[in-house]
Amino acid sequence: MKTTIYLMRHGESEANKRDAFLGHLDLPLTETGRAQARLTRDHLLANAERPAVIYASDLSRAYETAKCTADALGMAVVRNAGLREIDAGLWENQPFVSLIEKYPESYRIWREDIGRSCPDGGESVAALWERVMCTLTEIAEKHVGQTVYIFFHGTPIRAFAAHCFGKRCEELKDIPWPANASVTKAVYENGAFSMADYNRYDFMGDMATVLPSTT
């Protein structure tokens, strides 16, 4: 039996709007982000199987995005800290342009070779990869035979996609960033994840917001 998993990135946050690096700092969605959450809700209601459970990172930008869909389905959202974005350390809430000036070498590695990166004073991407894969595996094994919705963050989704595509953490640079409020679909079966559809956001039209490849 398999677990079907839909993985959604949160809508645009206040930091996304300012082109700033956001990790564990708990900033809300923008009005655009809330509109994106509604579009994602409508897409899921029309195109995805009804979930048995809805999970979200415990950070409000992911929880709020999840709640939009959960309310429409009359369901609760289960918060899970293991789904958090990377701990950004000293990079937290810093504009990308400031990171280039303050941390030129470590931020260069983030932009050019993200799988080997670690924000100054924060969590390494390798540690995030392990944390996220452990959390997602636990969820998948808990809900075998069911459909699960998970709302969380860009770096964790990107790491998960790399794993599904058979890449190592050091190859993460080959995977594009997921767009805000995008939908990714995967399957867990016989102890392994496989990708069904990555980073779908065509349903957003002009409301789509995509991370620059240089962030």
Protein backbone atom coordinates (compact mmCIF):
# COMPACT_ATOMS: atom_id res chain seq x y z
CA MET A 1 0.00 0.00 0.00
CA LYS A 2 1.13 3.53 -0.66
CA THR A 3 0.87 6.94 0.95
CA THR A 4 -0.02 9.80 -1.39
CA ILE A 5 1.49 13.08 -0.26
CA TYR A 6 0.77 16.61 -1.50
CA LEU A 7 3.45 19.08 -0.39
CA MET A 8 2.67 22.79 -0.56
CA ARG A 9 4.98 25.72 -0.02
CA HIS A 10 3.52 28.61 1.98
CA GLY A 11 2.21 31.71 0.22
CA GLU A 12 4.26 34.87 -0.08
CA SER A 13 5.52 36.04 3.31
CA GLU A 14 6.53 39.50 4.46
CA ALA A 15 10.18 38.49 4.03
CA ASN A 16 9.58 37.16 0.51
CA LYS A 17 8.11 40.52 -0.41
CA ARG A 18 11.21 42.33 0.91
CA ASP A 19 13.67 39.89 -0.71
CA ALA A 20 14.96 38.88 2.72
CA PHE A 21 16.21 35.53 4.03
CA LEU A 22 13.65 33.94 6.36
CA GLY A 23 14.21 30.86 8.46
CA HIS A 24 12.63 30.31 11.89
CA LEU A 25 11.52 33.92 12.40
CA ASP A 26 7.72 33.80 12.49
CA LEU A 27 6.50 36.40 10.00
CA PRO A 28 2.98 36.35 8.48
CA LEU A 29 1.75 36.07 4.93
CA THR A 30 1.23 39.15 2.80
CA GLU A 31 -2.13 39.86 1.20
CA THR A 32 -0.68 38.33 -1.96
CA GLY A 33 0.29 35.26 0.08
CA ARG A 34 -3.26 34.92 1.38
CA ALA A 35 -4.62 35.18 -2.15
CA GLN A 36 -2.16 32.50 -3.25
CA ALA A 37 -3.32 30.28 -0.39
CA ARG A 38 -6.88 30.57 -1.66
CA LEU A 39 -5.79 29.63 -5.19
CA THR A 40 -3.93 26.62 -3.84
CA ARG A 41 -7.00 25.63 -1.83
CA ASP A 42 -9.17 25.82 -4.94
CA HIS A 43 -6.64 23.81 -6.95
CA LEU A 44 -6.47 21.08 -4.32
CA LEU A 45 -10.24 20.88 -3.89
CA ALA A 46 -10.67 20.46 -7.64
CA ASN A 47 -7.72 18.21 -8.46
CA ALA A 48 -6.47 16.30 -5.42
CA GLU A 49 -7.81 13.45 -3.33
CA ARG A 50 -9.33 14.46 -0.01
CA PRO A 51 -6.70 14.08 2.72
CA ALA A 52 -6.99 11.99 5.84
CA VAL A 53 -4.86 14.55 7.67
CA ILE A 54 -3.31 17.97 7.07
CA TYR A 55 0.12 18.82 8.48
CA ALA A 56 1.98 22.12 8.55
CA SER A 57 5.16 23.57 9.89
CA ASP A 58 4.50 25.31 13.19
CA LEU A 59 5.56 28.65 11.64
CA SER A 60 2.59 30.88 10.94
CA ARG A 61 3.23 31.45 7.23
CA ALA A 62 2.88 27.71 6.60
CA TYR A 63 0.10 27.20 9.14
CA GLU A 64 -1.97 30.05 7.71
CA THR A 65 -1.59 28.66 4.20
CA ALA A 66 -2.66 25.23 5.44
CA LYS A 67 -5.59 26.56 7.43
CA CYS A 68 -7.12 28.09 4.32
CA THR A 69 -7.51 24.60 2.82
CA ALA A 70 -8.29 22.92 6.13
CA ASP A 71 -11.17 25.31 6.87
CA ALA A 72 -12.72 24.55 3.48
CA LEU A 73 -12.56 20.83 4.27
CA GLY A 74 -13.74 21.20 7.87
CA MET A 75 -10.46 19.78 9.15
CA ALA A 76 -7.82 20.72 11.70
CA VAL A 77 -4.14 21.35 10.98
CA VAL A 78 -1.50 19.31 12.80
CA ARG A 79 1.58 21.45 13.47
CA ASN A 80 4.99 19.78 13.30
CA ALA A 81 8.22 21.62 14.10
CA GLY A 82 10.20 19.05 12.09
CA LEU A 83 8.78 20.68 8.96
CA ARG A 84 10.32 24.09 9.68
CA GLU A 85 12.46 26.05 7.26
CA ILE A 86 16.22 26.06 7.84
CA ASP A 87 17.52 27.79 10.97
CA ALA A 88 19.01 30.88 9.36
CA GLY A 89 21.24 31.93 12.25
CA LEU A 90 22.81 35.33 11.62
CA TRP A 91 21.20 35.51 8.18
CA GLU A 92 17.71 35.68 9.69
CA ASN A 93 15.51 38.37 8.12
CA GLN A 94 18.50 39.92 6.34
CA PRO A 95 18.00 41.27 2.80
CA PHE A 96 19.75 39.14 0.21
CA VAL A 97 21.85 42.11 -0.87
CA SER A 98 23.09 42.53 2.72
CA LEU A 99 24.12 38.89 2.90
CA ILE A 100 26.34 39.38 -0.13
CA GLU A 101 28.12 42.21 1.71
CA LYS A 102 28.25 40.73 5.24
CA TYR A 103 28.91 37.06 4.50
CA PRO A 104 30.38 37.01 0.99
CA GLU A 105 31.97 33.54 1.10
CA SER A 106 29.32 31.57 3.00
CA TYR A 107 26.49 33.19 1.08
CA ARG A 108 28.32 32.53 -2.21
CA ILE A 109 28.30 28.83 -1.32
CA TRP A 110 24.55 29.06 -0.60
CA ARG A 111 23.91 30.56 -4.03
CA GLU A 112 26.28 28.35 -5.99
CA ASP A 113 26.45 25.06 -4.09
CA ILE A 114 23.55 25.06 -1.64
CA GLY A 115 23.86 21.41 -0.61
CA ARG A 116 27.23 22.18 1.00
CA SER A 117 25.99 25.39 2.63
CA CYS A 118 25.39 26.50 6.20
CA PRO A 119 24.07 29.92 7.22
CA ASP A 120 26.46 31.58 9.66
CA GLY A 121 25.42 30.54 13.16
CA GLY A 122 22.57 28.41 11.79
CA GLU A 123 21.64 24.96 10.54
CA SER A 124 23.49 23.29 7.71
CA VAL A 125 21.56 22.21 4.64
CA ALA A 126 22.78 18.66 5.29
CA ALA A 127 21.22 18.78 8.78
CA LEU A 128 17.98 20.18 7.37
CA TRP A 129 17.94 17.38 4.77
CA GLU A 130 18.20 14.73 7.48
CA ARG A 131 15.59 16.41 9.70
CA VAL A 132 13.06 16.83 6.92
CA MET A 133 13.48 13.33 5.48
CA CYS A 134 13.08 11.79 8.94
CA THR A 135 9.92 13.84 9.54
CA LEU A 136 8.38 13.07 6.15
CA THR A 137 9.19 9.37 6.45
CA GLU A 138 7.52 9.23 9.86
CA ILE A 139 4.42 10.93 8.46
CA ALA A 140 4.30 8.68 5.38
CA GLU A 141 4.64 5.50 7.44
CA LYS A 142 1.98 6.66 9.90
CA HIS A 143 -0.56 7.16 7.11
CA VAL A 144 -0.01 4.20 4.80
CA GLY A 145 -2.96 3.80 2.44
CA GLN A 146 -4.04 7.41 2.95
CA THR A 147 -3.61 10.82 1.36
CA VAL A 148 -1.77 13.51 3.32
CA TYR A 149 -1.42 17.27 2.76
CA ILE A 150 1.73 18.95 4.08
CA PHE A 151 2.31 22.72 4.05
CA PHE A 152 5.81 23.94 4.73
CA HIS A 153 8.81 25.72 3.18
CA GLY A 154 11.05 26.18 0.16
CA THR A 155 14.33 24.62 1.27
CA PRO A 156 12.71 21.51 2.80
CA ILE A 157 10.59 20.92 -0.31
CA ARG A 158 13.62 21.39 -2.53
CA ALA A 159 15.60 18.88 -0.43
CA PHE A 160 12.74 16.39 -0.55
CA ALA A 161 12.51 16.73 -4.33
CA ALA A 162 16.24 16.09 -4.68
CA HIS A 163 15.86 12.92 -2.61
CA CYS A 164 12.96 11.75 -4.78
CA PHE A 165 15.00 12.36 -7.93
CA GLY A 166 17.79 10.18 -6.56
CA LYS A 167 20.21 13.02 -5.90
CA ARG A 168 22.57 13.50 -2.98
CA CYS A 169 22.51 16.60 -0.80
CA GLU A 170 25.58 17.87 -2.65
CA GLU A 171 23.50 17.88 -5.86
CA LEU A 172 20.72 20.04 -4.44
CA LYS A 173 21.83 22.95 -6.64
CA ASP A 174 20.36 21.06 -9.61
CA ILE A 175 16.81 21.34 -8.23
CA PRO A 176 14.89 24.60 -8.80
CA TRP A 177 13.20 26.46 -5.96
CA PRO A 178 9.48 25.75 -5.55
CA ALA A 179 7.24 28.78 -6.06
CA ASN A 180 5.14 30.25 -3.27
CA ALA A 181 2.01 28.15 -2.63
CA SER A 182 3.07 25.64 -5.29
CA VAL A 183 1.88 22.04 -5.19
CA THR A 184 4.19 19.01 -5.33
CA LYS A 185 2.87 15.46 -5.35
CA ALA A 186 4.81 12.38 -4.23
CA VAL A 187 4.15 8.76 -3.36
CA TYR A 188 5.63 6.64 -0.56
CA GLU A 189 5.58 2.91 -1.25
CA ASN A 190 7.71 -0.02 -0.12
CA GLY A 191 9.87 2.25 2.00
CA ALA A 192 10.74 4.71 -0.78
CA PHE A 193 9.52 8.08 -2.05
CA SER A 194 8.91 8.85 -5.72
CA MET A 195 7.98 12.13 -7.37
CA ALA A 196 4.72 12.42 -9.29
CA ASP A 197 4.63 16.18 -9.96
CA TYR A 198 7.05 18.88 -8.80
CA ASN A 199 6.40 22.58 -8.24
CA ARG A 200 3.06 23.03 -9.98
CA TYR A 201 1.94 26.65 -9.87
CA ASP A 202 0.45 27.26 -13.31
CA PHE A 203 -2.98 27.59 -11.68
CA MET A 204 -1.88 30.89 -10.09
CA GLY A 205 -1.53 32.86 -13.29
CA ASP A 206 -0.43 36.43 -12.60
CA MET A 207 -0.45 35.78 -8.84
CA ALA A 208 2.60 33.49 -9.01
CA THR A 209 5.75 34.56 -7.15
CA VAL A 210 8.97 32.65 -7.77
CA LEU A 211 12.27 32.85 -5.90
CA PRO A 212 15.15 34.16 -8.00
CA SER A 213 17.71 31.49 -8.81
CA THR A 214 20.40 33.66 -7.23
CA THR A 215 18.93 33.76 -3.70
